[in-house]
C-alpha cells in the first residue's frame, strides 16, 4: 500500500533532520509526493527543467530563496540552528 503524502513528508523530515538524504533527493521526493513531472514542478516554482534536474541530482546548489520557496509548500522552514 503506498504511503499517503503526509506520511511521505514526515519520513522526509526525519531523514533530513538525521542527515539520511541529500537536498536533491528531498526535492525529488516532494515533487513525486504531489504527482508532478519535472516540467510542471519546475514551472510551479519558477525554475527551468534543466535547473530542477540538476538540483534533484545534487549537481547544483539551490539558493536559500529556492529552498524556502519549495520547502514552504511542504511544511519546511529553512533556518540555521546551533550545533
N, C-alpha and C. Protein backbone atom coordinates (compact mmCIF):
# COMPACT_ATOMS: atom_id res chain seq x y z
N UNK A 1 0.85 -1.18 0.00
CA UNK A 1 0.00 0.00 0.00
C UNK A 1 0.90 1.24 0.00
N UNK A 2 0.69 2.17 -0.94
CA UNK A 2 1.53 3.36 -0.97
C UNK A 2 1.24 4.28 0.21
N UNK A 3 2.28 4.96 0.64
CA UNK A 3 2.12 5.90 1.75
C UNK A 3 1.35 7.12 1.27
N UNK A 4 0.62 7.74 2.18
CA UNK A 4 -0.03 8.98 1.81
C UNK A 4 0.98 10.13 1.89
N UNK A 5 0.61 11.25 1.33
CA UNK A 5 1.53 12.39 1.24
C UNK A 5 2.05 12.82 2.61
N UNK A 6 1.18 12.86 3.60
CA UNK A 6 1.58 13.29 4.94
C UNK A 6 2.67 12.37 5.50
N UNK A 7 2.50 11.07 5.34
CA UNK A 7 3.50 10.11 5.84
C UNK A 7 4.81 10.26 5.09
N UNK A 8 4.73 10.50 3.78
CA UNK A 8 5.95 10.69 2.99
C UNK A 8 6.72 11.91 3.48
N UNK A 9 6.01 13.01 3.72
CA UNK A 9 6.66 14.25 4.18
C UNK A 9 7.22 14.06 5.58
N UNK A 10 6.51 13.37 6.46
CA UNK A 10 7.02 13.10 7.81
C UNK A 10 8.30 12.28 7.74
N UNK A 11 8.32 11.25 6.91
CA UNK A 11 9.54 10.45 6.73
C UNK A 11 10.67 11.30 6.19
N UNK A 12 10.35 12.16 5.25
CA UNK A 12 11.36 13.04 4.66
C UNK A 12 11.92 14.00 5.70
N UNK A 13 11.06 14.55 6.54
CA UNK A 13 11.53 15.44 7.61
C UNK A 13 12.51 14.71 8.52
N UNK A 14 12.18 13.50 8.90
CA UNK A 14 13.08 12.71 9.76
C UNK A 14 14.39 12.41 9.05
N UNK A 15 14.32 12.07 7.78
CA UNK A 15 15.54 11.78 7.02
C UNK A 15 16.43 13.01 6.93
N UNK A 16 15.84 14.18 6.70
CA UNK A 16 16.64 15.41 6.61
C UNK A 16 17.25 15.77 7.96
N UNK A 17 16.47 15.68 9.01
CA UNK A 17 16.97 16.00 10.35
C UNK A 17 18.14 15.10 10.72
N UNK A 18 18.06 13.85 10.33
CA UNK A 18 19.09 12.87 10.69
C UNK A 18 20.14 12.66 9.60
N UNK A 19 20.19 13.59 8.64
CA UNK A 19 21.18 13.54 7.55
C UNK A 19 21.19 12.21 6.79
N UNK A 20 19.99 11.67 6.55
CA UNK A 20 19.89 10.41 5.81
C UNK A 20 19.54 10.61 4.34
N UNK A 21 19.42 11.87 3.91
CA UNK A 21 19.19 12.12 2.49
C UNK A 21 19.75 13.48 2.12
N UNK A 22 20.02 13.64 0.85
CA UNK A 22 20.55 14.89 0.31
C UNK A 22 19.38 15.79 -0.11
N UNK A 23 19.68 17.07 -0.29
CA UNK A 23 18.66 18.03 -0.68
C UNK A 23 17.99 17.62 -2.00
N UNK A 24 18.79 17.19 -2.95
CA UNK A 24 18.22 16.80 -4.25
C UNK A 24 17.21 15.68 -4.13
N UNK A 25 17.53 14.69 -3.33
CA UNK A 25 16.61 13.58 -3.10
C UNK A 25 15.34 14.08 -2.42
N UNK A 26 15.50 15.03 -1.50
CA UNK A 26 14.34 15.59 -0.80
C UNK A 26 13.42 16.34 -1.77
N UNK A 27 14.02 17.13 -2.65
CA UNK A 27 13.22 17.88 -3.63
C UNK A 27 12.48 16.91 -4.55
N UNK A 28 13.16 15.88 -4.99
CA UNK A 28 12.53 14.88 -5.87
C UNK A 28 11.38 14.18 -5.14
N UNK A 29 11.59 13.84 -3.87
CA UNK A 29 10.54 13.19 -3.08
C UNK A 29 9.33 14.11 -2.94
N UNK A 30 9.58 15.41 -2.69
CA UNK A 30 8.48 16.37 -2.59
C UNK A 30 7.70 16.43 -3.90
N UNK A 31 8.44 16.52 -5.00
CA UNK A 31 7.79 16.59 -6.32
C UNK A 31 6.92 15.36 -6.57
N UNK A 32 7.48 14.20 -6.31
CA UNK A 32 6.74 12.96 -6.56
C UNK A 32 5.55 12.80 -5.62
N UNK A 33 5.65 13.37 -4.41
CA UNK A 33 4.56 13.24 -3.44
C UNK A 33 3.29 13.95 -3.91
N UNK A 34 3.45 14.93 -4.81
CA UNK A 34 2.27 15.62 -5.33
C UNK A 34 1.97 15.22 -6.78
N UNK A 35 2.68 14.21 -7.25
CA UNK A 35 2.39 13.63 -8.55
C UNK A 35 2.70 14.50 -9.76
N UNK A 36 3.71 15.38 -9.63
CA UNK A 36 4.07 16.23 -10.76
C UNK A 36 5.32 15.73 -11.46
N UNK A 37 5.35 15.94 -12.78
CA UNK A 37 6.58 15.66 -13.52
C UNK A 37 7.52 16.86 -13.36
N UNK A 38 8.74 16.72 -13.83
CA UNK A 38 9.71 17.80 -13.66
C UNK A 38 9.26 19.09 -14.33
N UNK A 39 8.67 18.99 -15.50
CA UNK A 39 8.25 20.20 -16.23
C UNK A 39 7.24 21.01 -15.42
N UNK A 40 6.22 20.34 -14.90
CA UNK A 40 5.17 21.04 -14.16
C UNK A 40 5.68 21.56 -12.81
N UNK A 41 6.51 20.78 -12.14
CA UNK A 41 7.06 21.20 -10.85
C UNK A 41 7.98 22.41 -11.05
N UNK A 42 8.81 22.35 -12.08
CA UNK A 42 9.72 23.47 -12.36
C UNK A 42 8.93 24.74 -12.64
N UNK A 43 7.89 24.63 -13.43
CA UNK A 43 7.06 25.79 -13.74
C UNK A 43 6.41 26.36 -12.48
N UNK A 44 5.92 25.49 -11.62
CA UNK A 44 5.28 25.90 -10.38
C UNK A 44 6.20 26.76 -9.51
N UNK A 45 7.50 26.44 -9.55
CA UNK A 45 8.45 27.15 -8.69
C UNK A 45 9.38 28.09 -9.45
N UNK A 46 9.06 28.37 -10.71
CA UNK A 46 9.83 29.34 -11.47
C UNK A 46 11.23 28.88 -11.83
N UNK A 47 11.38 27.58 -12.06
CA UNK A 47 12.67 27.01 -12.43
C UNK A 47 12.60 26.47 -13.85
N UNK A 48 13.74 26.29 -14.47
CA UNK A 48 13.77 25.57 -15.73
C UNK A 48 13.83 24.08 -15.41
N UNK A 49 13.44 23.26 -16.36
CA UNK A 49 13.51 21.81 -16.17
C UNK A 49 14.96 21.40 -15.94
N UNK A 50 15.87 22.01 -16.68
CA UNK A 50 17.29 21.69 -16.51
C UNK A 50 17.77 22.04 -15.10
N UNK A 51 17.37 23.21 -14.60
CA UNK A 51 17.78 23.61 -13.24
C UNK A 51 17.23 22.63 -12.20
N UNK A 52 15.97 22.23 -12.36
CA UNK A 52 15.37 21.27 -11.43
C UNK A 52 16.08 19.93 -11.50
N UNK A 53 16.38 19.47 -12.69
CA UNK A 53 17.09 18.20 -12.85
C UNK A 53 18.45 18.24 -12.15
N UNK A 54 19.16 19.34 -12.33
CA UNK A 54 20.46 19.49 -11.66
C UNK A 54 20.30 19.46 -10.15
N UNK A 55 19.26 20.14 -9.63
CA UNK A 55 19.01 20.15 -8.18
C UNK A 55 18.70 18.74 -7.68
N UNK A 56 17.80 18.05 -8.37
CA UNK A 56 17.38 16.72 -7.93
C UNK A 56 18.53 15.71 -7.96
N UNK A 57 19.49 15.95 -8.80
CA UNK A 57 20.63 15.04 -8.91
C UNK A 57 21.86 15.55 -8.16
N UNK A 58 21.66 16.54 -7.29
CA UNK A 58 22.73 17.12 -6.47
C UNK A 58 23.92 17.57 -7.31
N UNK A 59 23.62 18.11 -8.49
CA UNK A 59 24.67 18.63 -9.38
C UNK A 59 24.71 20.15 -9.31
N UNK A 60 23.81 20.74 -8.53
CA UNK A 60 23.71 22.18 -8.38
C UNK A 60 23.25 22.49 -6.97
N UNK A 61 23.62 23.64 -6.47
CA UNK A 61 23.22 24.06 -5.13
C UNK A 61 22.10 25.08 -5.22
N UNK A 62 20.97 24.80 -4.61
CA UNK A 62 19.86 25.75 -4.65
C UNK A 62 20.15 26.97 -3.78
N UNK A 63 19.57 28.09 -4.16
CA UNK A 63 19.67 29.28 -3.31
C UNK A 63 18.74 29.09 -2.12
N UNK A 64 18.95 29.87 -1.07
CA UNK A 64 18.05 29.81 0.08
C UNK A 64 16.64 30.19 -0.34
N UNK A 65 16.52 31.14 -1.27
CA UNK A 65 15.21 31.55 -1.76
C UNK A 65 14.49 30.36 -2.40
N UNK A 66 15.19 29.63 -3.23
CA UNK A 66 14.60 28.46 -3.89
C UNK A 66 14.22 27.40 -2.86
N UNK A 67 15.11 27.14 -1.91
CA UNK A 67 14.80 26.15 -0.87
C UNK A 67 13.57 26.54 -0.07
N UNK A 68 13.51 27.82 0.32
CA UNK A 68 12.36 28.28 1.09
C UNK A 68 11.09 28.24 0.25
N UNK A 69 11.19 28.61 -1.01
CA UNK A 69 10.03 28.60 -1.89
C UNK A 69 9.46 27.20 -2.03
N UNK A 70 10.31 26.24 -2.29
CA UNK A 70 9.85 24.85 -2.42
C UNK A 70 9.45 24.28 -1.06
N UNK A 71 10.34 24.41 -0.09
CA UNK A 71 10.10 23.82 1.22
C UNK A 71 8.85 24.31 1.92
N UNK A 72 8.55 25.60 1.78
CA UNK A 72 7.39 26.16 2.48
C UNK A 72 6.08 25.51 2.03
N UNK A 73 6.03 25.07 0.80
CA UNK A 73 4.82 24.41 0.29
C UNK A 73 4.62 23.02 0.90
N UNK A 74 5.67 22.51 1.54
CA UNK A 74 5.63 21.16 2.11
C UNK A 74 5.83 21.17 3.63
N UNK A 75 5.71 22.34 4.24
CA UNK A 75 5.82 22.44 5.70
C UNK A 75 7.23 22.55 6.23
N UNK A 76 8.18 22.92 5.37
CA UNK A 76 9.57 23.07 5.80
C UNK A 76 9.92 24.54 5.91
N UNK A 77 10.79 24.85 6.85
CA UNK A 77 11.32 26.20 7.02
C UNK A 77 12.84 26.07 7.07
N UNK A 78 13.51 26.80 6.22
CA UNK A 78 14.97 26.74 6.18
C UNK A 78 15.50 27.73 7.20
N UNK A 79 16.36 27.24 8.11
CA UNK A 79 16.96 28.12 9.10
C UNK A 79 18.29 27.54 9.57
N UNK A 80 18.99 28.36 10.32
CA UNK A 80 20.24 27.92 10.92
C UNK A 80 19.97 27.56 12.37
N UNK A 81 20.55 26.45 12.81
CA UNK A 81 20.41 26.05 14.21
C UNK A 81 21.80 25.86 14.80
N UNK A 82 21.95 26.17 16.08
CA UNK A 82 23.26 25.98 16.70
C UNK A 82 23.65 24.51 16.74
N UNK A 83 24.95 24.26 16.72
CA UNK A 83 25.45 22.89 16.81
C UNK A 83 25.24 22.33 18.19
